[in-house]
């Protein structure tokens, strides 16, 4: 059975100006990658180091009928916000994205109590990371257009790190460059108004995964992510599995399975699309703990082509079938569990 070392809590994943590879069972007090002295081997000024850090926070939330996903990112040469709401019964979909040039803000360096606002014409997005109060809050307001109805959301993750197991990892691309990720599965409550229709989320039926990411990612960044959340027979359940370019994936990676709030660290996986992006995906490992098939039903394409920048970010909504194994050797069947498949290529 796969196992990995879980390190003792510490203030930050950096020591003596260098990143530390590892997995922790708690959020860090501070994540400032500018504390790394020489991420590219030379003592570059902070403004140049900062220009290479990419960071984002993402959310997936769903109950029996609705699946909602949102993202707020700072790529430094531009900022990106997006939101998607999908009605699994009717097939109705709200899709919104906003791209703003240059870096006008930084995401919070702590999850204890910090917030960020993104405002522009017809759009407002606010995230309040407040783990000290066992919550993460999202406020989103999008004005109507000719093609899209108005959308308002107020959502709260019940993010109690004492009763729910988070995952914090620091993975290395080299001895000096790293990526940090924090993930937590928890109940979610809140309300949405979509085109005049009120949607209420109860924490007894609604689950969500919150992700916080920062890194000195490669100039050509590639990542594939699979995630699913929900309540299975009244039990909180979900997983987040990724393939990225970090080294030493067997010792540390960002793959996790949550059942009843308890976290099982999963081994490295291979995610393939043998018949193309919009056909079934196959997600498997070498330890016999992950055997899933993702069947896409809806796809949202994102493409940006500029002189120095190229982005291909495809988000697919669909469902998972298969089997996962917990750390106790217990089988966790997955049957038509809705979630996301994400495939990212970023050159910047």
C-alpha atoms as a PDB file:
ATOM      1  CA  UNK A   1       0.000   0.000   0.000  1.00  0.00           C
ATOM      2  CA  UNK A   2       1.302   3.426  -0.957  1.00  0.00           C
ATOM      3  CA  UNK A   3       2.468   5.643   1.906  1.00  0.00           C
ATOM      4  CA  UNK A   4       4.434   8.866   2.287  1.00  0.00           C
ATOM      5  CA  UNK A   5       6.045  10.881   5.058  1.00  0.00           C
ATOM      6  CA  UNK A   6       3.860  13.613   6.559  1.00  0.00           C
ATOM      7  CA  UNK A   7       6.035  16.369   7.992  1.00  0.00           C
ATOM      8  CA  UNK A   8       5.435  18.344  11.162  1.00  0.00           C
ATOM      9  CA  UNK A   9       3.670  21.716  10.815  1.00  0.00           C
ATOM     10  CA  UNK A  10       5.912  24.674  10.060  1.00  0.00           C
ATOM     11  CA  UNK A  11       5.554  28.362   9.260  1.00  0.00           C
ATOM     12  CA  UNK A  12       6.501  28.186   5.581  1.00  0.00           C
ATOM     13  CA  UNK A  13       7.881  25.648   3.069  1.00  0.00           C
ATOM     14  CA  UNK A  14      11.173  27.525   2.649  1.00  0.00           C
ATOM     15  CA  UNK A  15      14.364  27.270   4.723  1.00  0.00           C
ATOM     16  CA  UNK A  16      17.627  29.211   4.264  1.00  0.00           C
ATOM     17  CA  UNK A  17      16.330  30.708   1.033  1.00  0.00           C
ATOM     18  CA  UNK A  18      15.536  27.321  -0.554  1.00  0.00           C
ATOM     19  CA  UNK A  19      12.238  25.439  -1.011  1.00  0.00           C
ATOM     20  CA  UNK A  20      11.653  22.219   0.937  1.00  0.00           C
ATOM     21  CA  UNK A  21       9.964  19.284  -0.759  1.00  0.00           C
ATOM     22  CA  UNK A  22       7.307  17.598   1.347  1.00  0.00           C
ATOM     23  CA  UNK A  23       3.723  16.953   2.382  1.00  0.00           C
ATOM     24  CA  UNK A  24       2.069  18.520   5.423  1.00  0.00           C
ATOM     25  CA  UNK A  25      -1.267  18.026   7.157  1.00  0.00           C
ATOM     26  CA  UNK A  26      -1.866  21.697   7.806  1.00  0.00           C
ATOM     27  CA  UNK A  27      -1.818  25.040   6.020  1.00  0.00           C
ATOM     28  CA  UNK A  28       1.298  27.197   6.234  1.00  0.00           C
ATOM     29  CA  UNK A  29       1.269  30.500   8.101  1.00  0.00           C
ATOM     30  CA  UNK A  30       2.841  32.255   5.115  1.00  0.00           C
ATOM     31  CA  UNK A  31       3.622  31.377   1.507  1.00  0.00           C
ATOM     32  CA  UNK A  32       5.879  33.979  -0.122  1.00  0.00           C
ATOM     33  CA  UNK A  33       7.967  32.473  -2.902  1.00  0.00           C
ATOM     34  CA  UNK A  34      10.024  35.660  -3.114  1.00  0.00           C
ATOM     35  CA  UNK A  35      11.784  34.338   0.002  1.00  0.00           C
ATOM     36  CA  UNK A  36      13.562  31.882  -2.295  1.00  0.00           C
ATOM     37  CA  UNK A  37      16.908  33.578  -2.927  1.00  0.00           C
ATOM     38  CA  UNK A  38      17.926  32.281  -6.328  1.00  0.00           C
ATOM     39  CA  UNK A  39      15.072  30.437  -8.078  1.00  0.00           C
ATOM     40  CA  UNK A  40      16.923  30.687 -11.399  1.00  0.00           C
ATOM     41  CA  UNK A  41      20.465  30.243 -10.131  1.00  0.00           C
ATOM     42  CA  UNK A  42      21.365  33.933 -10.082  1.00  0.00           C
ATOM     43  CA  UNK A  43      20.500  36.761  -7.654  1.00  0.00           C
ATOM     44  CA  UNK A  44      17.811  38.422  -9.752  1.00  0.00           C
ATOM     45  CA  UNK A  45      15.970  41.458  -8.279  1.00  0.00           C
ATOM     46  CA  UNK A  46      12.603  40.792  -6.678  1.00  0.00           C
ATOM     47  CA  UNK A  47      10.632  42.389  -9.522  1.00  0.00           C
ATOM     48  CA  UNK A  48      12.041  39.848 -12.007  1.00  0.00           C
ATOM     49  CA  UNK A  49      11.515  36.924  -9.633  1.00  0.00           C
ATOM     50  CA  UNK A  50       7.954  38.049  -8.988  1.00  0.00           C
ATOM     51  CA  UNK A  51       7.221  38.218 -12.729  1.00  0.00           C
ATOM     52  CA  UNK A  52       7.846  34.455 -12.980  1.00  0.00           C
ATOM     53  CA  UNK A  53       5.493  33.415 -10.157  1.00  0.00           C
ATOM     54  CA  UNK A  54       2.098  32.148 -11.277  1.00  0.00           C
ATOM     55  CA  UNK A  55      -0.656  31.833  -8.687  1.00  0.00           C
ATOM     56  CA  UNK A  56      -4.351  31.035  -8.519  1.00  0.00           C
ATOM     57  CA  UNK A  57      -7.196  29.862  -6.320  1.00  0.00           C
ATOM     58  CA  UNK A  58      -9.851  27.544  -7.695  1.00  0.00           C
ATOM     59  CA  UNK A  59     -13.164  26.119  -6.530  1.00  0.00           C
ATOM     60  CA  UNK A  60     -15.413  23.216  -7.461  1.00  0.00           C
ATOM     61  CA  UNK A  61     -18.800  22.968  -5.712  1.00  0.00           C
ATOM     62  CA  UNK A  62     -21.715  20.686  -6.421  1.00  0.00           C
ATOM     63  CA  UNK A  63     -24.879  19.087  -5.105  1.00  0.00           C
ATOM     64  CA  UNK A  64     -27.230  16.596  -6.746  1.00  0.00           C
ATOM     65  CA  UNK A  65     -28.253  19.018  -9.518  1.00  0.00           C
ATOM     66  CA  UNK A  66     -25.711  21.815  -9.960  1.00  0.00           C
ATOM     67  CA  UNK A  67     -21.965  21.870 -10.562  1.00  0.00           C
ATOM     68  CA  UNK A  68     -20.160  25.189 -10.100  1.00  0.00           C
ATOM     69  CA  UNK A  69     -16.507  25.947 -10.750  1.00  0.00           C
ATOM     70  CA  UNK A  70     -14.587  29.215 -10.461  1.00  0.00           C
ATOM     71  CA  UNK A  71     -11.011  30.432 -10.779  1.00  0.00           C
ATOM     72  CA  UNK A  72      -9.109  33.608  -9.923  1.00  0.00           C
ATOM     73  CA  UNK A  73      -5.526  33.667 -11.196  1.00  0.00           C
ATOM     74  CA  UNK A  74      -2.592  36.012 -11.527  1.00  0.00           C
ATOM     75  CA  UNK A  75      -0.250  35.019 -14.363  1.00  0.00           C
ATOM     76  CA  UNK A  76       1.600  38.369 -14.023  1.00  0.00           C
ATOM     77  CA  UNK A  77       1.347  39.433 -17.672  1.00  0.00           C
ATOM     78  CA  UNK A  78      -2.434  39.108 -17.296  1.00  0.00           C
ATOM     79  CA  UNK A  79      -5.109  38.241 -14.725  1.00  0.00           C
ATOM     80  CA  UNK A  80      -7.795  35.678 -15.362  1.00  0.00           C
ATOM     81  CA  UNK A  81     -11.160  35.174 -13.666  1.00  0.00           C
ATOM     82  CA  UNK A  82     -13.792  32.680 -14.717  1.00  0.00           C
ATOM     83  CA  UNK A  83     -16.926  30.952 -13.492  1.00  0.00           C
ATOM     84  CA  UNK A  84     -19.093  28.149 -14.844  1.00  0.00           C
ATOM     85  CA  UNK A  85     -22.442  26.865 -13.551  1.00  0.00           C
ATOM     86  CA  UNK A  86     -23.890  23.694 -15.044  1.00  0.00           C
ATOM     87  CA  UNK A  87     -27.373  22.296 -14.476  1.00  0.00           C
ATOM     88  CA  UNK A  88     -26.971  18.510 -14.699  1.00  0.00           C
ATOM     89  CA  UNK A  89     -30.727  17.972 -15.177  1.00  0.00           C
ATOM     90  CA  UNK A  90     -31.501  20.509 -17.902  1.00  0.00           C
ATOM     91  CA  UNK A  91     -28.056  20.894 -19.467  1.00  0.00           C
ATOM     92  CA  UNK A  92     -28.265  24.676 -19.035  1.00  0.00           C
ATOM     93  CA  UNK A  93     -24.864  26.320 -18.638  1.00  0.00           C
ATOM     94  CA  UNK A  94     -23.573  29.719 -17.549  1.00  0.00           C
ATOM     95  CA  UNK A  95     -20.037  30.481 -18.713  1.00  0.00           C
ATOM     96  CA  UNK A  96     -18.137  33.666 -17.882  1.00  0.00           C
ATOM     97  CA  UNK A  97     -14.512  34.695 -18.148  1.00  0.00           C
ATOM     98  CA  UNK A  98     -12.646  37.969 -17.707  1.00  0.00           C
ATOM     99  CA  UNK A  99      -9.058  38.624 -18.793  1.00  0.00           C
ATOM    100  CA  UNK A 100      -7.324  41.788 -17.612  1.00  0.00           C
ATOM    101  CA  UNK A 101      -3.839  42.861 -18.740  1.00  0.00           C
ATOM    102  CA  UNK A 102      -0.870  43.015 -16.380  1.00  0.00           C
ATOM    103  CA  UNK A 103      -0.596  42.154 -12.679  1.00  0.00           C
ATOM    104  CA  UNK A 104      -2.758  44.454 -10.602  1.00  0.00           C
ATOM    105  CA  UNK A 105      -2.785  42.395  -7.411  1.00  0.00           C
ATOM    106  CA  UNK A 106      -1.300  39.386  -5.640  1.00  0.00           C
ATOM    107  CA  UNK A 107      -3.227  36.520  -4.157  1.00  0.00           C
ATOM    108  CA  UNK A 108      -3.070  36.178  -0.361  1.00  0.00           C
ATOM    109  CA  UNK A 109       0.153  34.817   1.139  1.00  0.00           C
ATOM    110  CA  UNK A 110      -1.758  33.323   4.060  1.00  0.00           C
ATOM    111  CA  UNK A 111      -5.012  31.401   4.408  1.00  0.00           C
ATOM    112  CA  UNK A 112      -5.455  32.376   8.065  1.00  0.00           C
ATOM    113  CA  UNK A 113      -7.258  35.655   7.373  1.00  0.00           C
ATOM    114  CA  UNK A 114      -6.761  37.442   4.058  1.00  0.00           C
ATOM    115  CA  UNK A 115      -8.887  38.500   1.119  1.00  0.00           C
ATOM    116  CA  UNK A 116      -8.673  39.637  -2.474  1.00  0.00           C
ATOM    117  CA  UNK A 117     -11.096  41.585  -4.678  1.00  0.00           C
ATOM    118  CA  UNK A 118     -11.209  41.691  -8.448  1.00  0.00           C
ATOM    119  CA  UNK A 119     -13.393  44.420  -9.899  1.00  0.00           C
ATOM    120  CA  UNK A 120     -14.054  45.617 -13.412  1.00  0.00           C
ATOM    121  CA  UNK A 121     -16.996  46.794 -15.498  1.00  0.00           C
ATOM    122  CA  UNK A 122     -19.967  44.511 -14.846  1.00  0.00           C
ATOM    123  CA  UNK A 123     -17.977  42.125 -12.694  1.00  0.00           C
ATOM    124  CA  UNK A 124     -17.018  41.599  -9.037  1.00  0.00           C
ATOM    125  CA  UNK A 125     -15.182  38.613  -7.519  1.00  0.00           C
ATOM    126  CA  UNK A 126     -14.108  38.450  -3.884  1.00  0.00           C
ATOM    127  CA  UNK A 127     -12.382  35.637  -1.980  1.00  0.00           C
ATOM    128  CA  UNK A 128     -11.903  35.692   1.781  1.00  0.00           C
ATOM    129  CA  UNK A 129      -9.574  32.948   3.029  1.00  0.00           C
ATOM    130  CA  UNK A 130     -10.316  32.750   6.745  1.00  0.00           C
ATOM    131  CA  UNK A 131      -9.203  29.422   8.160  1.00  0.00           C
ATOM    132  CA  UNK A 132      -8.882  31.011  11.604  1.00  0.00           C
ATOM    133  CA  UNK A 133     -12.690  31.190  11.535  1.00  0.00           C
ATOM    134  CA  UNK A 134     -13.091  27.799   9.794  1.00  0.00           C
ATOM    135  CA  UNK A 135     -14.396  29.301   6.570  1.00  0.00           C
ATOM    136  CA  UNK A 136     -13.525  30.329   3.039  1.00  0.00           C
ATOM    137  CA  UNK A 137     -15.991  32.737   1.444  1.00  0.00           C
ATOM    138  CA  UNK A 138     -16.691  33.546  -2.203  1.00  0.00           C
ATOM    139  CA  UNK A 139     -18.730  36.494  -3.481  1.00  0.00           C
ATOM    140  CA  UNK A 140     -19.361  36.799  -7.196  1.00  0.00           C
ATOM    141  CA  UNK A 141     -21.510  39.268  -9.099  1.00  0.00           C
ATOM    142  CA  UNK A 142     -21.829  39.298 -12.897  1.00  0.00           C
ATOM    143  CA  UNK A 143     -24.140  41.736 -14.675  1.00  0.00           C
ATOM    144  CA  UNK A 144     -26.435  40.586 -17.462  1.00  0.00           C
ATOM    145  CA  UNK A 145     -25.599  41.003 -21.153  1.00  0.00           C
ATOM    146  CA  UNK A 146     -27.603  40.296 -24.290  1.00  0.00           C
ATOM    147  CA  UNK A 147     -26.284  36.755 -24.403  1.00  0.00           C
ATOM    148  CA  UNK A 148     -26.013  35.979 -20.694  1.00  0.00           C
ATOM    149  CA  UNK A 149     -28.343  36.490 -17.707  1.00  0.00           C
ATOM    150  CA  UNK A 150     -27.109  38.057 -14.491  1.00  0.00           C
ATOM    151  CA  UNK A 151     -25.439  35.869 -11.903  1.00  0.00           C
ATOM    152  CA  UNK A 152     -24.818  36.434  -8.185  1.00  0.00           C
ATOM    153  CA  UNK A 153     -23.310  33.999  -5.696  1.00  0.00           C
ATOM    154  CA  UNK A 154     -22.422  33.967  -2.010  1.00  0.00           C
ATOM    155  CA  UNK A 155     -20.824  30.681  -0.940  1.00  0.00           C
ATOM    156  CA  UNK A 156     -19.062  29.527   2.222  1.00  0.00           C
ATOM    157  CA  UNK A 157     -16.788  26.530   2.644  1.00  0.00           C
ATOM    158  CA  UNK A 158     -17.071  25.012   6.136  1.00  0.00           C
ATOM    159  CA  UNK A 159     -13.291  24.666   6.298  1.00  0.00           C
ATOM    160  CA  UNK A 160     -12.488  23.287   9.737  1.00  0.00           C
ATOM    161  CA  UNK A 161      -8.932  21.904   9.645  1.00  0.00           C
ATOM    162  CA  UNK A 162      -9.452  20.176  12.989  1.00  0.00           C
ATOM    163  CA  UNK A 163     -12.261  17.910  11.766  1.00  0.00           C
ATOM    164  CA  UNK A 164     -11.293  17.723   8.071  1.00  0.00           C
ATOM    165  CA  UNK A 165      -7.885  16.732   6.727  1.00  0.00           C
ATOM    166  CA  UNK A 166      -6.287  19.293   4.393  1.00  0.00           C
ATOM    167  CA  UNK A 167      -3.310  18.603   2.158  1.00  0.00           C
ATOM    168  CA  UNK A 168      -0.384  21.010   1.772  1.00  0.00           C
ATOM    169  CA  UNK A 169       2.477  20.057  -0.537  1.00  0.00           C
ATOM    170  CA  UNK A 170       5.624  21.699  -1.812  1.00  0.00           C
ATOM    171  CA  UNK A 171       6.977  20.067  -4.970  1.00  0.00           C
ATOM    172  CA  UNK A 172      10.245  20.783  -6.741  1.00  0.00           C
ATOM    173  CA  UNK A 173      11.016  21.440 -10.385  1.00  0.00           C
ATOM    174  CA  UNK A 174      14.690  21.912  -9.407  1.00  0.00           C
ATOM    175  CA  UNK A 175      16.598  22.509  -6.178  1.00  0.00           C
ATOM    176  CA  UNK A 176      15.648  26.205  -6.342  1.00  0.00           C
ATOM    177  CA  UNK A 177      12.248  26.239  -8.053  1.00  0.00           C
ATOM    178  CA  UNK A 178       9.012  24.851  -6.664  1.00  0.00           C
ATOM    179  CA  UNK A 179       5.251  24.726  -6.745  1.00  0.00           C
ATOM    180  CA  UNK A 180       3.043  24.877  -3.647  1.00  0.00           C
ATOM    181  CA  UNK A 181      -0.505  23.509  -3.451  1.00  0.00           C
ATOM    182  CA  UNK A 182      -3.100  23.423  -0.675  1.00  0.00           C
ATOM    183  CA  UNK A 183      -6.311  21.409  -1.070  1.00  0.00           C
ATOM    184  CA  UNK A 184      -9.295  20.835   1.191  1.00  0.00           C
ATOM    185  CA  UNK A 185     -12.596  19.031   0.705  1.00  0.00           C
ATOM    186  CA  UNK A 186     -15.466  20.223   2.889  1.00  0.00           C
ATOM    187  CA  UNK A 187     -19.220  20.935   3.009  1.00  0.00           C
ATOM    188  CA  UNK A 188     -20.410  24.149   1.371  1.00  0.00           C
ATOM    189  CA  UNK A 189     -23.467  26.312   1.939  1.00  0.00           C
ATOM    190  CA  UNK A 190     -24.748  29.430   0.254  1.00  0.00           C
ATOM    191  CA  UNK A 191     -27.004  30.936  -2.369  1.00  0.00           C
ATOM    192  CA  UNK A 192     -26.951  31.826  -6.042  1.00  0.00           C
ATOM    193  CA  UNK A 193     -29.267  33.876  -8.221  1.00  0.00           C
ATOM    194  CA  UNK A 194     -29.071  32.964 -11.908  1.00  0.00           C
ATOM    195  CA  UNK A 195     -31.291  34.857 -14.329  1.00  0.00           C
ATOM    196  CA  UNK A 196     -33.804  35.608 -11.577  1.00  0.00           C
ATOM    197  CA  UNK A 197     -33.865  32.003 -10.318  1.00  0.00           C
ATOM    198  CA  UNK A 198     -32.755  31.364  -6.738  1.00  0.00           C
ATOM    199  CA  UNK A 199     -30.498  28.363  -6.064  1.00  0.00           C
ATOM    200  CA  UNK A 200     -29.804  27.364  -2.470  1.00  0.00           C
ATOM    201  CA  UNK A 201     -26.941  25.096  -1.392  1.00  0.00           C
ATOM    202  CA  UNK A 202     -27.230  23.165   1.869  1.00  0.00           C
ATOM    203  CA  UNK A 203     -24.063  21.945   3.598  1.00  0.00           C
ATOM    204  CA  UNK A 204     -25.815  18.597   4.177  1.00  0.00           C
ATOM    205  CA  UNK A 205     -25.933  17.967   0.414  1.00  0.00           C
ATOM    206  CA  UNK A 206     -23.231  20.179  -1.091  1.00  0.00           C
ATOM    207  CA  UNK A 207     -19.498  19.446  -1.224  1.00  0.00           C
ATOM    208  CA  UNK A 208     -16.581  21.437  -2.556  1.00  0.00           C
ATOM    209  CA  UNK A 209     -12.821  21.347  -3.063  1.00  0.00           C
ATOM    210  CA  UNK A 210     -10.778  24.500  -2.515  1.00  0.00           C
ATOM    211  CA  UNK A 211      -7.304  24.790  -4.059  1.00  0.00           C
ATOM    212  CA  UNK A 212      -4.563  27.373  -3.496  1.00  0.00           C
ATOM    213  CA  UNK A 213      -1.575  27.250  -5.857  1.00  0.00           C
ATOM    214  CA  UNK A 214       1.661  29.209  -6.313  1.00  0.00           C
ATOM    215  CA  UNK A 215       4.807  28.328  -8.184  1.00  0.00           C
ATOM    216  CA  UNK A 216       7.837  29.090 -10.285  1.00  0.00           C
ATOM    217  CA  UNK A 217       6.309  26.996 -13.026  1.00  0.00           C
ATOM    218  CA  UNK A 218       8.238  26.205 -16.218  1.00  0.00           C
ATOM    219  CA  UNK A 219       8.007  28.638 -19.136  1.00  0.00           C
ATOM    220  CA  UNK A 220       6.030  25.924 -20.928  1.00  0.00           C
ATOM    221  CA  UNK A 221       3.676  24.676 -18.241  1.00  0.00           C
ATOM    222  CA  UNK A 222       1.574  21.543 -18.663  1.00  0.00           C
ATOM    223  CA  UNK A 223      -0.916  20.166 -16.193  1.00  0.00           C
ATOM    224  CA  UNK A 224      -3.841  17.731 -16.247  1.00  0.00           C
ATOM    225  CA  UNK A 225      -6.244  17.693 -13.307  1.00  0.00           C
ATOM    226  CA  UNK A 226      -9.140  15.397 -12.408  1.00  0.00           C
ATOM    227  CA  UNK A 227     -11.479  16.098  -9.494  1.00  0.00           C
ATOM    228  CA  UNK A 228     -14.843  14.890  -8.269  1.00  0.00           C
ATOM    229  CA  UNK A 229     -16.891  15.759  -5.177  1.00  0.00           C
ATOM    230  CA  UNK A 230     -20.182  14.815  -3.588  1.00  0.00           C
ATOM    231  CA  UNK A 231     -22.038  12.942  -0.882  1.00  0.00           C
ATOM    232  CA  UNK A 232     -22.173   9.162  -1.283  1.00  0.00           C
ATOM    233  CA  UNK A 233     -24.854   7.614   0.940  1.00  0.00           C
ATOM    234  CA  UNK A 234     -24.653  10.682   3.152  1.00  0.00           C
ATOM    235  CA  UNK A 235     -20.839  10.527   3.415  1.00  0.00           C
ATOM    236  CA  UNK A 236     -18.644  13.421   2.293  1.00  0.00           C
ATOM    237  CA  UNK A 237     -16.488  12.123  -0.558  1.00  0.00           C
ATOM    238  CA  UNK A 238     -14.118  13.510  -3.161  1.00  0.00           C
ATOM    239  CA  UNK A 239     -10.739  13.386  -4.835  1.00  0.00           C
ATOM    240  CA  UNK A 240      -8.250  15.612  -6.625  1.00  0.00           C
ATOM    241  CA  UNK A 241      -5.654  14.001  -8.884  1.00  0.00           C
ATOM    242  CA  UNK A 242      -3.087  15.750 -11.066  1.00  0.00           C
ATOM    243  CA  UNK A 243      -0.210  15.192 -13.450  1.00  0.00           C
ATOM    244  CA  UNK A 244       2.339  18.003 -13.460  1.00  0.00           C
ATOM    245  CA  UNK A 245       6.023  18.581 -14.250  1.00  0.00           C
ATOM    246  CA  UNK A 246       7.374  18.379 -10.687  1.00  0.00           C
ATOM    247  CA  UNK A 247      10.103  15.853  -9.859  1.00  0.00           C
ATOM    248  CA  UNK A 248       9.995  13.110  -7.217  1.00  0.00           C
ATOM    249  CA  UNK A 249       6.267  12.452  -7.658  1.00  0.00           C
ATOM    250  CA  UNK A 250       6.382   9.125  -5.812  1.00  0.00           C
ATOM    251  CA  UNK A 251       7.571  10.743  -2.563  1.00  0.00           C
ATOM    252  CA  UNK A 252       5.326  13.818  -2.820  1.00  0.00           C
ATOM    253  CA  UNK A 253       2.509  14.857  -5.137  1.00  0.00           C
ATOM    254  CA  UNK A 254      -0.834  16.673  -5.016  1.00  0.00           C
ATOM    255  CA  UNK A 255      -3.086  13.605  -5.289  1.00  0.00           C
ATOM    256  CA  UNK A 256      -5.619  12.943  -2.556  1.00  0.00           C
ATOM    257  CA  UNK A 257      -8.832  11.076  -1.735  1.00  0.00           C
ATOM    258  CA  UNK A 258     -11.185  12.263   1.007  1.00  0.00           C
ATOM    259  CA  UNK A 259     -13.834  10.110   2.657  1.00  0.00           C
ATOM    260  CA  UNK A 260     -15.758  11.353   5.703  1.00  0.00           C
ATOM    261  CA  UNK A 261     -13.198  14.154   5.979  1.00  0.00           C
ATOM    262  CA  UNK A 262     -10.230  11.777   6.250  1.00  0.00           C
ATOM    263  CA  UNK A 263      -7.481  12.118   3.670  1.00  0.00           C
ATOM    264  CA  UNK A 264      -5.731   9.302   1.832  1.00  0.00           C
ATOM    265  CA  UNK A 265      -2.590  10.373  -0.018  1.00  0.00           C
ATOM    266  CA  UNK A 266      -2.563   8.756  -3.438  1.00  0.00           C
ATOM    267  CA  UNK A 267       0.441   7.722  -5.542  1.00  0.00           C
ATOM    268  CA  UNK A 268       1.426   9.269  -8.890  1.00  0.00           C
ATOM    269  CA  UNK A 269      -1.066   8.616 -11.680  1.00  0.00           C
ATOM    270  CA  UNK A 270      -1.141   8.481 -15.432  1.00  0.00           C
ATOM    271  CA  UNK A 271      -4.000  10.395 -17.091  1.00  0.00           C
ATOM    272  CA  UNK A 272      -4.576   9.557 -20.746  1.00  0.00           C
ATOM    273  CA  UNK A 273      -7.126  10.443 -23.412  1.00  0.00           C
ATOM    274  CA  UNK A 274      -6.706   7.510 -25.846  1.00  0.00           C
ATOM    275  CA  UNK A 275      -9.539   8.654 -28.132  1.00  0.00           C
ATOM    276  CA  UNK A 276      -9.185  12.413 -27.761  1.00  0.00           C
ATOM    277  CA  UNK A 277     -10.014  15.081 -25.220  1.00  0.00           C
ATOM    278  CA  UNK A 278     -13.799  14.774 -25.519  1.00  0.00           C
ATOM    279  CA  UNK A 279     -13.876  10.959 -25.222  1.00  0.00           C
ATOM    280  CA  UNK A 280     -13.271   8.873 -22.087  1.00  0.00           C
ATOM    281  CA  UNK A 281     -10.198   9.654 -19.983  1.00  0.00           C
ATOM    282  CA  UNK A 282      -8.352   6.840 -18.199  1.00  0.00           C
ATOM    283  CA  UNK A 283      -6.811   7.578 -14.768  1.00  0.00           C
ATOM    284  CA  UNK A 284      -4.655   4.822 -13.262  1.00  0.00           C
ATOM    285  CA  UNK A 285      -1.670   4.329 -10.974  1.00  0.00           C
ATOM    286  CA  UNK A 286       0.946   1.583 -10.489  1.00  0.00           C
ATOM    287  CA  UNK A 287      -0.054   0.760  -6.892  1.00  0.00           C
ATOM    288  CA  UNK A 288      -3.589  -0.466  -7.535  1.00  0.00           C
ATOM    289  CA  UNK A 289      -5.225   2.434  -5.649  1.00  0.00           C
ATOM    290  CA  UNK A 290      -6.607   4.453  -8.580  1.00  0.00           C
ATOM    291  CA  UNK A 291      -8.660   3.044 -11.460  1.00  0.00           C
ATOM    292  CA  UNK A 292     -11.072   5.609 -12.884  1.00  0.00           C
ATOM    293  CA  UNK A 293     -12.716   6.534 -16.162  1.00  0.00           C
ATOM    294  CA  UNK A 294     -13.882  10.112 -16.752  1.00  0.00           C
ATOM    295  CA  UNK A 295     -16.678  10.599 -19.308  1.00  0.00           C
ATOM    296  CA  UNK A 296     -16.922  14.247 -20.498  1.00  0.00           C
ATOM    297  CA  UNK A 297     -20.352  15.711 -21.180  1.00  0.00           C
ATOM    298  CA  UNK A 298     -19.687  19.441 -21.578  1.00  0.00           C
ATOM    299  CA  UNK A 299     -16.521  21.261 -22.643  1.00  0.00           C
ATOM    300  CA  UNK A 300     -15.374  24.859 -22.291  1.00  0.00           C
ATOM    301  CA  UNK A 301     -12.395  25.906 -24.407  1.00  0.00           C
ATOM    302  CA  UNK A 302     -10.063  28.754 -23.507  1.00  0.00           C
ATOM    303  CA  UNK A 303      -7.401  29.957 -25.914  1.00  0.00           C
ATOM    304  CA  UNK A 304      -5.191  33.042 -25.794  1.00  0.00           C
ATOM    305  CA  UNK A 305      -2.554  33.622 -28.459  1.00  0.00           C
ATOM    306  CA  UNK A 306      -0.319  36.650 -28.069  1.00  0.00           C
ATOM    307  CA  UNK A 307       3.251  37.366 -29.142  1.00  0.00           C
ATOM    308  CA  UNK A 308       4.883  36.014 -25.972  1.00  0.00           C
ATOM    309  CA  UNK A 309       1.954  34.116 -24.510  1.00  0.00           C
ATOM    310  CA  UNK A 310      -0.031  31.070 -25.478  1.00  0.00           C
ATOM    311  CA  UNK A 311      -2.771  29.573 -23.296  1.00  0.00           C
ATOM    312  CA  UNK A 312      -4.833  26.468 -23.972  1.00  0.00           C
ATOM    313  CA  UNK A 313      -7.069  25.685 -21.014  1.00  0.00           C
ATOM    314  CA  UNK A 314      -9.849  23.169 -21.580  1.00  0.00           C
ATOM    315  CA  UNK A 315     -12.407  22.457 -18.843  1.00  0.00           C
ATOM    316  CA  UNK A 316     -14.611  19.407 -19.212  1.00  0.00           C
ATOM    317  CA  UNK A 317     -17.617  18.625 -17.037  1.00  0.00           C
ATOM    318  CA  UNK A 318     -18.624  15.012 -16.757  1.00  0.00           C
ATOM    319  CA  UNK A 319     -18.756  12.034 -14.428  1.00  0.00           C
ATOM    320  CA  UNK A 320     -16.379   9.417 -13.036  1.00  0.00           C
ATOM    321  CA  UNK A 321     -16.750   5.665 -12.704  1.00  0.00           C
ATOM    322  CA  UNK A 322     -14.325   3.178 -11.205  1.00  0.00           C
ATOM    323  CA  UNK A 323     -12.615   2.394  -7.925  1.00  0.00           C
ATOM    324  CA  UNK A 324     -10.345   4.099  -5.399  1.00  0.00           C
ATOM    325  CA  UNK A 325      -8.625   2.506  -2.398  1.00  0.00           C
ATOM    326  CA  UNK A 326      -8.257   4.281   0.941  1.00  0.00           C
ATOM    327  CA  UNK A 327      -5.165   4.144   3.180  1.00  0.00           C
ATOM    328  CA  UNK A 328      -6.934   1.436   5.244  1.00  0.00           C
ATOM    329  CA  UNK A 329      -7.299  -0.791   2.185  1.00  0.00           C
ATOM    330  CA  UNK A 330     -11.035  -0.085   1.934  1.00  0.00           C
ATOM    331  CA  UNK A 331     -12.567   0.004  -1.527  1.00  0.00           C
ATOM    332  CA  UNK A 332     -14.317   3.267  -2.432  1.00  0.00           C
ATOM    333  CA  UNK A 333     -16.542   2.649  -5.485  1.00  0.00           C
ATOM    334  CA  UNK A 334     -17.095   5.650  -7.741  1.00  0.00           C
ATOM    335  CA  UNK A 335     -20.352   5.577  -9.740  1.00  0.00           C
ATOM    336  CA  UNK A 336     -21.405   8.505 -11.907  1.00  0.00           C
ATOM    337  CA  UNK A 337     -19.731  11.014  -9.605  1.00  0.00           C
ATOM    338  CA  UNK A 338     -19.753  14.382 -11.359  1.00  0.00           C
ATOM    339  CA  UNK A 339     -16.638  16.470 -11.522  1.00  0.00           C
ATOM    340  CA  UNK A 340     -14.101  18.176 -13.749  1.00  0.00           C
ATOM    341  CA  UNK A 341     -11.301  17.221 -16.078  1.00  0.00           C
ATOM    342  CA  UNK A 342      -8.914  20.086 -16.798  1.00  0.00           C
ATOM    343  CA  UNK A 343      -6.061  20.229 -19.288  1.00  0.00           C
ATOM    344  CA  UNK A 344      -3.753  23.241 -19.251  1.00  0.00           C
ATOM    345  CA  UNK A 345      -0.911  24.354 -21.485  1.00  0.00           C
ATOM    346  CA  UNK A 346       0.548  27.735 -20.578  1.00  0.00           C
ATOM    347  CA  UNK A 347       3.509  29.370 -22.297  1.00  0.00           C
ATOM    348  CA  UNK A 348       4.402  32.632 -20.594  1.00  0.00           C
END
